[in-house]
Amino acid sequence: MTPLDYLFSIKERLITDPNILSFHIRKERISIQDGFIRARLILADNTMLEFAEYFRVTEGGDIEVQTYSFHWADARGQLIKRWDNTPHFPELDGFPHHVHDGKTGQVYPSTPMNLFRVLDNITR
């Protein structure tokens, strides 16, 4: 898969997912080796997901998301969850992957995320 293929798969999900009411791509960049996308989605339950992904081609030819942030908020802008891999919680299992829980204010270990996993998680 190329970065262009991956970016196309993201856009296809944005267009076809019935849980996404609208979206606005704020920034995108693509090259032969890597890419970046930043967008804001309005979901069917009137929550908002703002996300950014930087991805690149590995030596094996796969696409790997290098850095990401997925900020899911309610209609008033209050945090529900935020998944990211900013390396600021080295004590957590799965470092640097973690999730901020808006309800508890706690930070928990997570696994590597991408838009597809986050949307599937929100839908559940």
PDB file of N, CA and C in Angstrom:
ATOM      1  N   MET A   1       0.849  -1.185   0.000  1.00  0.00           N
ATOM      2  CA  MET A   1       0.000   0.000   0.000  1.00  0.00           C
ATOM      3  C   MET A   1       0.888   1.239   0.000  1.00  0.00           C
ATOM      4  N   THR A   2       0.521   2.208  -0.787  1.00  0.00           N
ATOM      5  CA  THR A   2       1.260   3.460  -0.851  1.00  0.00           C
ATOM      6  C   THR A   2       0.614   4.483   0.088  1.00  0.00           C
ATOM      7  N   PRO A   3       1.316   5.562   0.411  1.00  0.00           N
ATOM      8  CA  PRO A   3       0.680   6.624   1.199  1.00  0.00           C
ATOM      9  C   PRO A   3      -0.583   7.168   0.524  1.00  0.00           C
ATOM     10  N   LEU A   4      -0.571   7.249  -0.799  1.00  0.00           N
ATOM     11  CA  LEU A   4      -1.755   7.732  -1.514  1.00  0.00           C
ATOM     12  C   LEU A   4      -2.929   6.755  -1.339  1.00  0.00           C
ATOM     13  N   ASP A   5      -2.637   5.445  -1.402  1.00  0.00           N
ATOM     14  CA  ASP A   5      -3.682   4.434  -1.179  1.00  0.00           C
ATOM     15  C   ASP A   5      -4.263   4.568   0.227  1.00  0.00           C
ATOM     16  N   TYR A   6      -3.379   4.751   1.214  1.00  0.00           N
ATOM     17  CA  TYR A   6      -3.842   4.866   2.596  1.00  0.00           C
ATOM     18  C   TYR A   6      -4.706   6.112   2.775  1.00  0.00           C
ATOM     19  N   LEU A   7      -4.253   7.227   2.228  1.00  0.00           N
ATOM     20  CA  LEU A   7      -5.027   8.468   2.312  1.00  0.00           C
ATOM     21  C   LEU A   7      -6.391   8.291   1.626  1.00  0.00           C
ATOM     22  N   PHE A   8      -6.400   7.608   0.497  1.00  0.00           N
ATOM     23  CA  PHE A   8      -7.661   7.340  -0.191  1.00  0.00           C
ATOM     24  C   PHE A   8      -8.584   6.493   0.684  1.00  0.00           C
ATOM     25  N   SER A   9      -8.028   5.487   1.385  1.00  0.00           N
ATOM     26  CA  SER A   9      -8.861   4.637   2.245  1.00  0.00           C
ATOM     27  C   SER A   9      -9.452   5.439   3.408  1.00  0.00           C
ATOM     28  N   ILE A  10      -8.702   6.398   3.930  1.00  0.00           N
ATOM     29  CA  ILE A  10      -9.235   7.280   4.977  1.00  0.00           C
ATOM     30  C   ILE A  10     -10.405   8.094   4.420  1.00  0.00           C
ATOM     31  N   LYS A  11     -10.204   8.702   3.269  1.00  0.00           N
ATOM     32  CA  LYS A  11     -11.259   9.530   2.679  1.00  0.00           C
ATOM     33  C   LYS A  11     -12.491   8.699   2.336  1.00  0.00           C
ATOM     34  N   GLU A  12     -12.269   7.485   1.873  1.00  0.00           N
ATOM     35  CA  GLU A  12     -13.400   6.602   1.575  1.00  0.00           C
ATOM     36  C   GLU A  12     -14.208   6.324   2.838  1.00  0.00           C
ATOM     37  N   ARG A  13     -13.529   6.091   3.957  1.00  0.00           N
ATOM     38  CA  ARG A  13     -14.231   5.857   5.224  1.00  0.00           C
ATOM     39  C   ARG A  13     -14.998   7.108   5.645  1.00  0.00           C
ATOM     40  N   LEU A  14     -14.403   8.269   5.473  1.00  0.00           N
ATOM     41  CA  LEU A  14     -15.081   9.514   5.837  1.00  0.00           C
ATOM     42  C   LEU A  14     -16.370   9.698   5.030  1.00  0.00           C
ATOM     43  N   ILE A  15     -16.335   9.320   3.782  1.00  0.00           N
ATOM     44  CA  ILE A  15     -17.487   9.496   2.901  1.00  0.00           C
ATOM     45  C   ILE A  15     -18.565   8.439   3.141  1.00  0.00           C
ATOM     46  N   THR A  16     -18.162   7.210   3.427  1.00  0.00           N
ATOM     47  CA  THR A  16     -19.120   6.097   3.445  1.00  0.00           C
ATOM     48  C   THR A  16     -19.603   5.693   4.832  1.00  0.00           C
ATOM     49  N   ASP A  17     -18.935   6.106   5.890  1.00  0.00           N
ATOM     50  CA  ASP A  17     -19.331   5.688   7.241  1.00  0.00           C
ATOM     51  C   ASP A  17     -20.644   6.373   7.621  1.00  0.00           C
ATOM     52  N   PRO A  18     -21.691   5.599   7.906  1.00  0.00           N
ATOM     53  CA  PRO A  18     -22.985   6.210   8.230  1.00  0.00           C
ATOM     54  C   PRO A  18     -22.987   6.965   9.562  1.00  0.00           C
ATOM     55  N   ASN A  19     -21.984   6.745  10.394  1.00  0.00           N
ATOM     56  CA  ASN A  19     -21.896   7.454  11.673  1.00  0.00           C
ATOM     57  C   ASN A  19     -21.228   8.820  11.549  1.00  0.00           C
ATOM     58  N   ILE A  20     -20.737   9.156  10.362  1.00  0.00           N
ATOM     59  CA  ILE A  20     -20.112  10.460  10.133  1.00  0.00           C
ATOM     60  C   ILE A  20     -21.110  11.340   9.383  1.00  0.00           C
ATOM     61  N   LEU A  21     -21.592  12.388  10.059  1.00  0.00           N
ATOM     62  CA  LEU A  21     -22.538  13.315   9.423  1.00  0.00           C
ATOM     63  C   LEU A  21     -21.843  14.267   8.461  1.00  0.00           C
ATOM     64  N   SER A  22     -20.681  14.771   8.875  1.00  0.00           N
ATOM     65  CA  SER A  22     -19.932  15.696   8.031  1.00  0.00           C
ATOM     66  C   SER A  22     -18.472  15.669   8.445  1.00  0.00           C
ATOM     67  N   PHE A  23     -17.630  16.165   7.565  1.00  0.00           N
ATOM     68  CA  PHE A  23     -16.203  16.258   7.879  1.00  0.00           C
ATOM     69  C   PHE A  23     -15.592  17.424   7.120  1.00  0.00           C
ATOM     70  N   HIS A  24     -14.494  17.900   7.665  1.00  0.00           N
ATOM     71  CA  HIS A  24     -13.731  18.974   7.036  1.00  0.00           C
ATOM     72  C   HIS A  24     -12.260  18.608   7.156  1.00  0.00           C
ATOM     73  N   ILE A  25     -11.609  18.413   6.031  1.00  0.00           N
ATOM     74  CA  ILE A  25     -10.169  18.141   6.044  1.00  0.00           C
ATOM     75  C   ILE A  25      -9.466  19.477   6.140  1.00  0.00           C
ATOM     76  N   ARG A  26      -8.767  19.666   7.253  1.00  0.00           N
ATOM     77  CA  ARG A  26      -8.095  20.949   7.496  1.00  0.00           C
ATOM     78  C   ARG A  26      -6.739  21.033   6.824  1.00  0.00           C
ATOM     79  N   LYS A  27      -6.063  19.862   6.723  1.00  0.00           N
ATOM     80  CA  LYS A  27      -4.735  19.863   6.114  1.00  0.00           C
ATOM     81  C   LYS A  27      -4.431  18.445   5.656  1.00  0.00           C
ATOM     82  N   GLU A  28      -3.765  18.345   4.515  1.00  0.00           N
ATOM     83  CA  GLU A  28      -3.258  17.059   4.072  1.00  0.00           C
ATOM     84  C   GLU A  28      -2.008  17.284   3.257  1.00  0.00           C
ATOM     85  N   ARG A  29      -1.136  16.296   3.328  1.00  0.00           N
ATOM     86  CA  ARG A  29       0.115  16.332   2.580  1.00  0.00           C
ATOM     87  C   ARG A  29       0.441  14.898   2.226  1.00  0.00           C
ATOM     88  N   ILE A  30       0.925  14.676   1.037  1.00  0.00           N
ATOM     89  CA  ILE A  30       1.246  13.324   0.601  1.00  0.00           C
ATOM     90  C   ILE A  30       2.525  13.347  -0.234  1.00  0.00           C
ATOM     91  N   SER A  31       3.354  12.306  -0.065  1.00  0.00           N
ATOM     92  CA  SER A  31       4.533  12.111  -0.904  1.00  0.00           C
ATOM     93  C   SER A  31       4.639  10.611  -1.186  1.00  0.00           C
ATOM     94  N   ILE A  32       5.679  10.231  -1.861  1.00  0.00           N
ATOM     95  CA  ILE A  32       5.888   8.810  -2.164  1.00  0.00           C
ATOM     96  C   ILE A  32       6.166   8.029  -0.884  1.00  0.00           C
ATOM     97  N   GLN A  33       6.802   8.658   0.109  1.00  0.00           N
ATOM     98  CA  GLN A  33       7.230   7.960   1.325  1.00  0.00           C
ATOM     99  C   GLN A  33       6.324   8.154   2.531  1.00  0.00           C
ATOM    100  N   ASP A  34       5.552   9.249   2.576  1.00  0.00           N
ATOM    101  CA  ASP A  34       4.780   9.527   3.779  1.00  0.00           C
ATOM    102  C   ASP A  34       3.590  10.425   3.489  1.00  0.00           C
ATOM    103  N   GLY A  35       2.819  10.673   4.536  1.00  0.00           N
ATOM    104  CA  GLY A  35       1.668  11.542   4.376  1.00  0.00           C
ATOM    105  C   GLY A  35       1.159  12.029   5.721  1.00  0.00           C
ATOM    106  N   PHE A  36       0.282  13.007   5.661  1.00  0.00           N
ATOM    107  CA  PHE A  36      -0.306  13.599   6.865  1.00  0.00           C
ATOM    108  C   PHE A  36      -1.729  14.021   6.534  1.00  0.00           C
ATOM    109  N   ILE A  37      -2.618  13.837   7.503  1.00  0.00           N
ATOM    110  CA  ILE A  37      -3.979  14.332   7.373  1.00  0.00           C
ATOM    111  C   ILE A  37      -4.447  14.847   8.725  1.00  0.00           C
ATOM    112  N   ARG A  38      -5.177  15.947   8.685  1.00  0.00           N
ATOM    113  CA  ARG A  38      -5.811  16.516   9.875  1.00  0.00           C
ATOM    114  C   ARG A  38      -7.239  16.868   9.472  1.00  0.00           C
ATOM    115  N   ALA A  39      -8.209  16.397  10.264  1.00  0.00           N
ATOM    116  CA  ALA A  39      -9.607  16.637   9.909  1.00  0.00           C
ATOM    117  C   ALA A  39     -10.466  16.718  11.154  1.00  0.00           C
ATOM    118  N   ARG A  40     -11.657  17.283  10.964  1.00  0.00           N
ATOM    119  CA  ARG A  40     -12.666  17.360  12.022  1.00  0.00           C
ATOM    120  C   ARG A  40     -13.935  16.699  11.494  1.00  0.00           C
ATOM    121  N   LEU A  41     -14.481  15.792  12.303  1.00  0.00           N
ATOM    122  CA  LEU A  41     -15.693  15.069  11.936  1.00  0.00           C
ATOM    123  C   LEU A  41     -16.809  15.417  12.903  1.00  0.00           C
ATOM    124  N   ILE A  42     -18.017  15.490  12.402  1.00  0.00           N
ATOM    125  CA  ILE A  42     -19.205  15.564  13.249  1.00  0.00           C
ATOM    126  C   ILE A  42     -19.886  14.212  13.113  1.00  0.00           C
ATOM    127  N   LEU A  43     -20.110  13.554  14.240  1.00  0.00           N
ATOM    128  CA  LEU A  43     -20.666  12.211  14.243  1.00  0.00           C
ATOM    129  C   LEU A  43     -22.174  12.241  14.446  1.00  0.00           C
ATOM    130  N   ALA A  44     -22.821  11.118  14.169  1.00  0.00           N
ATOM    131  CA  ALA A  44     -24.284  11.022  14.197  1.00  0.00           C
ATOM    132  C   ALA A  44     -24.874  11.349  15.562  1.00  0.00           C
ATOM    133  N   ASP A  45     -24.117  11.128  16.630  1.00  0.00           N
ATOM    134  CA  ASP A  45     -24.621  11.447  17.977  1.00  0.00           C
ATOM    135  C   ASP A  45     -24.288  12.888  18.384  1.00  0.00           C
ATOM    136  N   ASN A  46     -23.896  13.718  17.415  1.00  0.00           N
ATOM    137  CA  ASN A  46     -23.518  15.127  17.609  1.00  0.00           C
ATOM    138  C   ASN A  46     -22.241  15.314  18.413  1.00  0.00           C
ATOM    139  N   THR A  47     -21.429  14.263  18.525  1.00  0.00           N
ATOM    140  CA  THR A  47     -20.100  14.436  19.085  1.00  0.00           C
ATOM    141  C   THR A  47     -19.160  14.811  17.945  1.00  0.00           C
ATOM    142  N   MET A  48     -17.951  15.232  18.300  1.00  0.00           N
ATOM    143  CA  MET A  48     -16.970  15.684  17.335  1.00  0.00           C
ATOM    144  C   MET A  48     -15.690  14.887  17.529  1.00  0.00           C
ATOM    145  N   LEU A  49     -15.068  14.500  16.432  1.00  0.00           N
ATOM    146  CA  LEU A  49     -13.763  13.849  16.475  1.00  0.00           C
ATOM    147  C   LEU A  49     -12.812  14.680  15.634  1.00  0.00           C
ATOM    148  N   GLU A  50     -11.783  15.195  16.282  1.00  0.00           N
ATOM    149  CA  GLU A  50     -10.729  15.898  15.558  1.00  0.00           C
ATOM    150  C   GLU A  50      -9.510  15.004  15.599  1.00  0.00           C
ATOM    151  N   PHE A  51      -8.880  14.811  14.441  1.00  0.00           N
ATOM    152  CA  PHE A  51      -7.748  13.888  14.425  1.00  0.00           C
ATOM    153  C   PHE A  51      -6.638  14.372  13.508  1.00  0.00           C
ATOM    154  N   ALA A  52      -5.448  13.842  13.783  1.00  0.00           N
ATOM    155  CA  ALA A  52      -4.280  14.050  12.938  1.00  0.00           C
ATOM    156  C   ALA A  52      -3.492  12.745  12.922  1.00  0.00           C
ATOM    157  N   GLU A  53      -3.047  12.363  11.748  1.00  0.00           N
ATOM    158  CA  GLU A  53      -2.204  11.177  11.573  1.00  0.00           C
ATOM    159  C   GLU A  53      -1.046  11.535  10.655  1.00  0.00           C
ATOM    160  N   TYR A  54       0.160  11.146  11.073  1.00  0.00           N
ATOM    161  CA  TYR A  54       1.319  11.180  10.189  1.00  0.00           C
ATOM    162  C   TYR A  54       1.700   9.733   9.946  1.00  0.00           C
ATOM    163  N   PHE A  55       1.784   9.317   8.698  1.00  0.00           N
ATOM    164  CA  PHE A  55       2.054   7.919   8.349  1.00  0.00           C
ATOM    165  C   PHE A  55       3.163   7.856   7.317  1.00  0.00           C
ATOM    166  N   ARG A  56       3.837   6.708   7.289  1.00  0.00           N
ATOM    167  CA  ARG A  56       4.919   6.546   6.328  1.00  0.00           C
ATOM    168  C   ARG A  56       5.026   5.086   5.906  1.00  0.00           C
ATOM    169  N   VAL A  57       5.758   4.867   4.825  1.00  0.00           N
ATOM    170  CA  VAL A  57       6.009   3.523   4.326  1.00  0.00           C
ATOM    171  C   VAL A  57       7.182   2.933   5.103  1.00  0.00           C
ATOM    172  N   THR A  58       7.006   1.711   5.615  1.00  0.00           N
ATOM    173  CA  THR A  58       8.090   1.032   6.323  1.00  0.00           C
ATOM    174  C   THR A  58       9.041   0.392   5.310  1.00  0.00           C
ATOM    175  N   GLU A  59      10.159  -0.125   5.799  1.00  0.00           N
ATOM    176  CA  GLU A  59      11.107  -0.814   4.912  1.00  0.00           C
ATOM    177  C   GLU A  59      10.462  -2.027   4.265  1.00  0.00           C
ATOM    178  N   GLY A  60       9.490  -2.632   4.949  1.00  0.00           N
ATOM    179  CA  GLY A  60       8.780  -3.783   4.397  1.00  0.00           C
ATOM    180  C   GLY A  60       7.687  -3.422   3.409  1.00  0.00           C
ATOM    181  N   GLY A  61       7.448  -2.123   3.205  1.00  0.00           N
ATOM    182  CA  GLY A  61       6.463  -1.690   2.235  1.00  0.00           C
ATOM    183  C   GLY A  61       5.065  -1.482   2.791  1.00  0.00           C
ATOM    184  N   ASP A  62       4.904  -1.614   4.114  1.00  0.00           N
ATOM    185  CA  ASP A  62       3.603  -1.388   4.737  1.00  0.00           C
ATOM    186  C   ASP A  62       3.464   0.073   5.152  1.00  0.00           C
ATOM    187  N   ILE A  63       2.227   0.479   5.426  1.00  0.00           N
ATOM    188  CA  ILE A  63       1.982   1.810   5.966  1.00  0.00           C
ATOM    189  C   ILE A  63       1.954   1.701   7.482  1.00  0.00           C
ATOM    190  N   GLU A  64       2.669   2.591   8.144  1.00  0.00           N
ATOM    191  CA  GLU A  64       2.698   2.631   9.606  1.00  0.00           C
ATOM    192  C   GLU A  64       2.375   4.051  10.057  1.00  0.00           C
ATOM    193  N   VAL A  65       1.403   4.160  10.960  1.00  0.00           N
ATOM    194  CA  VAL A  65       1.076   5.461  11.527  1.00  0.00           C
ATOM    195  C   VAL A  65       2.148   5.784  12.565  1.00  0.00           C
ATOM    196  N   GLN A  66       2.871   6.860  12.348  1.00  0.00           N
ATOM    197  CA  GLN A  66       3.990   7.233  13.211  1.00  0.00           C
ATOM    198  C   GLN A  66       3.529   8.054  14.414  1.00  0.00           C
ATOM    199  N   THR A  67       2.750   9.071  14.158  1.00  0.00           N
ATOM    200  CA  THR A  67       2.219   9.908  15.240  1.00  0.00           C
ATOM    201  C   THR A  67       0.743  10.140  14.976  1.00  0.00           C
ATOM    202  N   TYR A  68      -0.014  10.237  16.070  1.00  0.00           N
ATOM    203  CA  TYR A  68      -1.455  10.425  15.924  1.00  0.00           C
ATOM    204  C   TYR A  68      -2.038  11.082  17.156  1.00  0.00           C
ATOM    205  N   SER A  69      -3.187  11.688  16.938  1.00  0.00           N
ATOM    206  CA  SER A  69      -4.008  12.224  18.016  1.00  0.00           C
ATOM    207  C   SER A  69      -5.454  12.189  17.546  1.00  0.00           C
ATOM    208  N   PHE A  70      -6.323  11.620  18.381  1.00  0.00           N
ATOM    209  CA  PHE A  70      -7.754  11.532  18.095  1.00  0.00           C
ATOM    210  C   PHE A  70      -8.482  12.093  19.309  1.00  0.00           C
ATOM    211  N   HIS A  71      -9.053  13.263  19.147  1.00  0.00           N
ATOM    212  CA  HIS A  71      -9.711  13.973  20.243  1.00  0.00           C
ATOM    213  C   HIS A  71     -11.216  13.911  20.020  1.00  0.00           C
ATOM    214  N   TRP A  72     -11.899  13.134  20.879  1.00  0.00           N
ATOM    215  CA  TRP A  72     -13.341  12.928  20.768  1.00  0.00           C
ATOM    216  C   TRP A  72     -14.019  13.743  21.861  1.00  0.00           C
ATOM    217  N   ALA A  73     -14.916  14.627  21.469  1.00  0.00           N
ATOM    218  CA  ALA A  73     -15.559  15.534  22.429  1.00  0.00           C
ATOM    219  C   ALA A  73     -17.070  15.541  22.206  1.00  0.00           C
ATOM    220  N   ASP A  74     -17.796  15.899  23.268  1.00  0.00           N
ATOM    221  CA  ASP A  74     -19.258  15.990  23.160  1.00  0.00           C
ATOM    222  C   ASP A  74     -19.639  17.304  22.470  1.00  0.00           C
ATOM    223  N   ALA A  75     -20.934  17.527  22.321  1.00  0.00           N
ATOM    224  CA  ALA A  75     -21.430  18.707  21.598  1.00  0.00           C
ATOM    225  C   ALA A  75     -21.018  20.021  22.259  1.00  0.00           C
ATOM    226  N   ARG A  76     -20.710  19.986  23.572  1.00  0.00           N
ATOM    227  CA  ARG A  76     -20.265  21.193  24.274  1.00  0.00           C
ATOM    228  C   ARG A  76     -18.750  21.371  24.243  1.00  0.00           C
ATOM    229  N   GLY A  77     -18.067  20.429  23.594  1.00  0.00           N
ATOM    230  CA  GLY A  77     -16.614  20.505  23.505  1.00  0.00           C
ATOM    231  C   GLY A  77     -15.884  19.840  24.655  1.00  0.00           C
ATOM    232  N   GLN A  78     -16.603  19.145  25.527  1.00  0.00           N
ATOM    233  CA  GLN A  78     -15.983  18.460  26.661  1.00  0.00           C
ATOM    234  C   GLN A  78     -15.370  17.134  26.203  1.00  0.00           C
ATOM    235  N   LEU A  79     -14.153  16.877  26.641  1.00  0.00           N
ATOM    236  CA  LEU A  79     -13.439  15.661  26.258  1.00  0.00           C
ATOM    237  C   LEU A  79     -14.198  14.412  26.688  1.00  0.00           C
ATOM    238  N   ILE A  80     -14.364  13.490  25.740  1.00  0.00           N
ATOM    239  CA  ILE A  80     -14.849  12.148  26.055  1.00  0.00           C
ATOM    240  C   ILE A  80     -13.633  11.238  26.171  1.00  0.00           C
ATOM    241  N   LYS A  81     -12.834  11.164  25.094  1.00  0.00           N
ATOM    242  CA  LYS A  81     -11.577  10.411  25.096  1.00  0.00           C
ATOM    243  C   LYS A  81     -10.617  11.048  24.114  1.00  0.00           C
ATOM    244  N   ARG A  82      -9.329  10.877  24.398  1.00  0.00           N
ATOM    245  CA  ARG A  82      -8.296  11.282  23.447  1.00  0.00           C
ATOM    246  C   ARG A  82      -7.239  10.197  23.402  1.00  0.00           C
ATOM    247  N   TRP A  83      -7.054   9.635  22.238  1.00  0.00           N
ATOM    248  CA  TRP A  83      -6.013   8.649  22.007  1.00  0.00           C
ATOM    249  C   TRP A  83      -4.846   9.372  21.355  1.00  0.00           C
ATOM    250  N   ASP A  84      -3.637   9.153  21.864  1.00  0.00           N
ATOM    251  CA  ASP A  84      -2.468   9.726  21.207  1.00  0.00           C
ATOM    252  C   ASP A  84      -1.224   8.935  21.573  1.00  0.00           C
ATOM    253  N   ASN A  85      -0.138   9.236  20.889  1.00  0.00           N
ATOM    254  CA  ASN A  85       1.129   8.570  21.187  1.00  0.00           C
ATOM    255  C   ASN A  85       2.250   9.569  21.442  1.00  0.00           C
ATOM    256  N   THR A  86       1.873  10.721  22.001  1.00  0.00           N
ATOM    257  CA  THR A  86       2.878  11.672  22.463  1.00  0.00           C
ATOM    258  C   THR A  86       3.616  10.998  23.629  1.00  0.00           C
ATOM    259  N   PRO A  87       4.939  10.965  23.616  1.00  0.00           N
ATOM    260  CA  PRO A  87       5.681  10.176  24.611  1.00  0.00           C
ATOM    261  C   PRO A  87       5.820  10.871  25.976  1.00  0.00           C
ATOM    262  N   HIS A  88       4.690  11.082  26.672  1.00  0.00           N
ATOM    263  CA  HIS A  88       4.784  11.743  27.972  1.00  0.00           C
ATOM    264  C   HIS A  88       4.264  10.903  29.146  1.00  0.00           C
ATOM    265  N   PHE A  89       4.018   9.607  28.946  1.00  0.00           N
ATOM    266  CA  PHE A  89       3.623   8.726  30.053  1.00  0.00           C
ATOM    267  C   PHE A  89       4.437   7.434  29.981  1.00  0.00           C
ATOM    268  N   PRO A  90       5.770   7.525  30.190  1.00  0.00           N
ATOM    269  CA  PRO A  90       6.636   6.350  30.017  1.00  0.00           C
ATOM    270  C   PRO A  90       6.347   5.212  30.997  1.00  0.00           C
ATOM    271  N   GLU A  91       5.638   5.481  32.073  1.00  0.00           N
ATOM    272  CA  GLU A  91       5.355   4.438  33.061  1.00  0.00           C
ATOM    273  C   GLU A  91       4.198   3.528  32.644  1.00  0.00           C
ATOM    274  N   LEU A  92       3.449   3.898  31.631  1.00  0.00           N
ATOM    275  CA  LEU A  92       2.296   3.107  31.202  1.00  0.00           C
ATOM    276  C   LEU A  92       2.712   1.962  30.289  1.00  0.00           C
ATOM    277  N   ASP A  93       2.049   0.818  30.459  1.00  0.00           N
ATOM    278  CA  ASP A  93       2.234  -0.286  29.526  1.00  0.00           C
ATOM    279  C   ASP A  93       1.840   0.187  28.137  1.00  0.00           C
ATOM    280  N   GLY A  94       2.531  -0.294  27.128  1.00  0.00           N
ATOM    281  CA  GLY A  94       2.224   0.088  25.762  1.00  0.00           C
ATOM    282  C   GLY A  94       2.775   1.440  25.368  1.00  0.00           C
ATOM    283  N   PHE A  95       3.589   2.051  26.255  1.00  0.00           N
ATOM    284  CA  PHE A  95       4.185   3.354  25.970  1.00  0.00           C
ATOM    285  C   PHE A  95       4.704   3.382  24.529  1.00  0.00           C
ATOM    286  N   PRO A  96       4.450   4.422  23.765  1.00  0.00           N
ATOM    287  CA  PRO A  96       3.873   5.709  24.119  1.00  0.00           C
ATOM    288  C   PRO A  96       2.350   5.795  23.911  1.00  0.00           C
ATOM    289  N   HIS A  97       1.713   4.695  23.519  1.00  0.00           N
ATOM    290  CA  HIS A  97       0.285   4.701  23.196  1.00  0.00           C
ATOM    291  C   HIS A  97      -0.545   4.776  24.476  1.00  0.00           C
ATOM    292  N   HIS A  98      -1.486   5.727  24.507  1.00  0.00           N
ATOM    293  CA  HIS A  98      -2.320   5.896  25.703  1.00  0.00           C
ATOM    294  C   HIS A  98      -3.626   6.592  25.337  1.00  0.00           C
ATOM    295  N   VAL A  99      -4.568   6.560  26.290  1.00  0.00           N
ATOM    296  CA  VAL A  99      -5.870   7.194  26.089  1.00  0.00           C
ATOM    297  C   VAL A  99      -6.214   8.015  27.322  1.00  0.00           C
ATOM    298  N   HIS A 100      -6.674   9.223  27.099  1.00  0.00           N
ATOM    299  CA  HIS A 100      -7.144  10.113  28.163  1.00  0.00           C
ATOM    300  C   HIS A 100      -8.647   9.919  28.290  1.00  0.00           C
ATOM    301  N   ASP A 101      -9.136   9.666  29.483  1.00  0.00           N
ATOM    302  CA  ASP A 101     -10.561   9.479  29.725  1.00  0.00           C
ATOM    303  C   ASP A 101     -11.128  10.771  30.286  1.00  0.00           C
ATOM    304  N   GLY A 102     -12.010  11.423  29.532  1.00  0.00           N
ATOM    305  CA  GLY A 102     -12.575  12.702  29.955  1.00  0.00           C
ATOM    306  C   GLY A 102     -13.471  12.581  31.167  1.00  0.00           C
ATOM    307  N   LYS A 103     -14.104  11.431  31.340  1.00  0.00           N
ATOM    308  CA  LYS A 103     -15.022  11.234  32.463  1.00  0.00           C
ATOM    309  C   LYS A 103     -14.274  11.142  33.789  1.00  0.00           C
ATOM    310  N   THR A 104     -13.151  10.416  33.789  1.00  0.00           N
ATOM    311  CA  THR A 104     -12.410  10.201  35.032  1.00  0.00           C
ATOM    312  C   THR A 104     -11.210  11.118  35.180  1.00  0.00           C
ATOM    313  N   GLY A 105     -10.754  11.684  34.072  1.00  0.00           N
ATOM    314  CA  GLY A 105      -9.543  12.495  34.107  1.00  0.00           C
ATOM    315  C   GLY A 105      -8.272  11.652  34.149  1.00  0.00           C
ATOM    316  N   GLN A 106      -8.414  10.358  34.035  1.00  0.00           N
ATOM    317  CA  GLN A 106      -7.274   9.446  34.101  1.00  0.00           C
ATOM    318  C   GLN A 106      -6.697   9.174  32.714  1.00  0.00           C
ATOM    319  N   VAL A 107      -5.462   8.687  32.702  1.00  0.00           N
ATOM    320  CA  VAL A 107      -4.794   8.269  31.478  1.00  0.00           C
ATOM    321  C   VAL A 107      -4.520   6.778  31.601  1.00  0.00           C
ATOM    322  N   TYR A 108      -4.848   6.034  30.552  1.00  0.00           N
ATOM    323  CA  TYR A 108      -4.724   4.573  30.564  1.00  0.00           C
ATOM    324  C   TYR A 108      -3.865   4.102  29.392  1.00  0.00           C
ATOM    325  N   PRO A 109      -3.262   2.915  29.534  1.00  0.00           N
ATOM    326  CA  PRO A 109      -2.519   2.347  28.409  1.00  0.00           C
ATOM    327  C   PRO A 109      -3.453   2.096  27.228  1.00  0.00           C
ATOM    328  N   SER A 110      -2.885   2.109  26.057  1.00  0.00           N
ATOM    329  CA  SER A 110      -3.646   1.833  24.840  1.00  0.00           C
ATOM    330  C   SER A 110      -2.753   1.039  23.898  1.00  0.00           C
ATOM    331  N   THR A 111      -3.302   0.707  22.761  1.00  0.00           N
ATOM    332  CA  THR A 111      -2.554   0.065  21.692  1.00  0.00           C
ATOM    333  C   THR A 111      -2.403   1.076  20.565  1.00  0.00           C
ATOM    334  N   PRO A 112      -1.535   0.810  19.599  1.00  0.00           N
ATOM    335  CA  PRO A 112      -1.416   1.738  18.470  1.00  0.00           C
ATOM    336  C   PRO A 112      -2.775   1.942  17.798  1.00  0.00           C
ATOM    337  N   MET A 113      -3.090   3.186  17.483  1.00  0.00           N
ATOM    338  CA  MET A 113      -4.394   3.519  16.917  1.00  0.00           C
ATOM    339  C   MET A 113      -4.246   4.162  15.538  1.00  0.00           C
ATOM    340  N   ASN A 114      -5.330   4.071  14.793  1.00  0.00           N
ATOM    341  CA  ASN A 114      -5.477   4.805  13.540  1.00  0.00           C
ATOM    342  C   ASN A 114      -6.945   5.178  13.436  1.00  0.00           C
ATOM    343  N   LEU A 115      -7.305   5.922  12.420  1.00  0.00           N
ATOM    344  CA  LEU A 115      -8.681   6.399  12.300  1.00  0.00           C
ATOM    345  C   LEU A 115      -9.685   5.247  12.282  1.00  0.00           C
ATOM    346  N   PHE A 116      -9.357   4.178  11.600  1.00  0.00           N
ATOM    347  CA  PHE A 116     -10.275   3.051  11.481  1.00  0.00           C
ATOM    348  C   PHE A 116     -10.564   2.414  12.843  1.00  0.00           C
ATOM    349  N   ARG A 117      -9.530   2.214  13.639  1.00  0.00           N
ATOM    350  CA  ARG A 117      -9.700   1.626  14.976  1.00  0.00           C
ATOM    351  C   ARG A 117     -10.492   2.560  15.893  1.00  0.00           C
ATOM    352  N   VAL A 118     -10.206   3.839  15.826  1.00  0.00           N
ATOM    353  CA  VAL A 118     -10.905   4.808  16.684  1.00  0.00           C
ATOM    354  C   VAL A 118     -12.382   4.862  16.330  1.00  0.00           C
ATOM    355  N   LEU A 119     -12.702   4.958  15.046  1.00  0.00           N
ATOM    356  CA  LEU A 119     -14.103   4.996  14.648  1.00  0.00           C
ATOM    357  C   LEU A 119     -14.834   3.713  15.043  1.00  0.00           C
ATOM    358  N   ASP A 120     -14.168   2.574  14.891  1.00  0.00           N
ATOM    359  CA  ASP A 120     -14.774   1.304  15.312  1.00  0.00           C
ATOM    360  C   ASP A 120     -15.003   1.307  16.830  1.00  0.00           C
ATOM    361  N   ASN A 121     -14.049   1.845  17.573  1.00  0.00           N
ATOM    362  CA  ASN A 121     -14.167   1.928  19.032  1.00  0.00           C
ATOM    363  C   ASN A 121     -15.333   2.831  19.432  1.00  0.00           C
ATOM    364  N   ILE A 122     -15.455   3.972  18.786  1.00  0.00           N
ATOM    365  CA  ILE A 122     -16.542   4.917  19.097  1.00  0.00           C
ATOM    366  C   ILE A 122     -17.889   4.287  18.760  1.00  0.00           C
ATOM    367  N   THR A 123     -17.972   3.584  17.649  1.00  0.00           N
ATOM    368  CA  THR A 123     -19.227   2.955  17.237  1.00  0.00           C
ATOM    369  C   THR A 123     -19.690   1.917  18.245  1.00  0.00           C
ATOM    370  N   ARG A 124     -18.751   1.223  18.880  1.00  0.00           N
ATOM    371  CA  ARG A 124     -19.110   0.247  19.919  1.00  0.00           C
ATOM    372  C   ARG A 124     -19.622   0.988  21.104  1.00  0.00           C
TER     373      ARG A 124
END
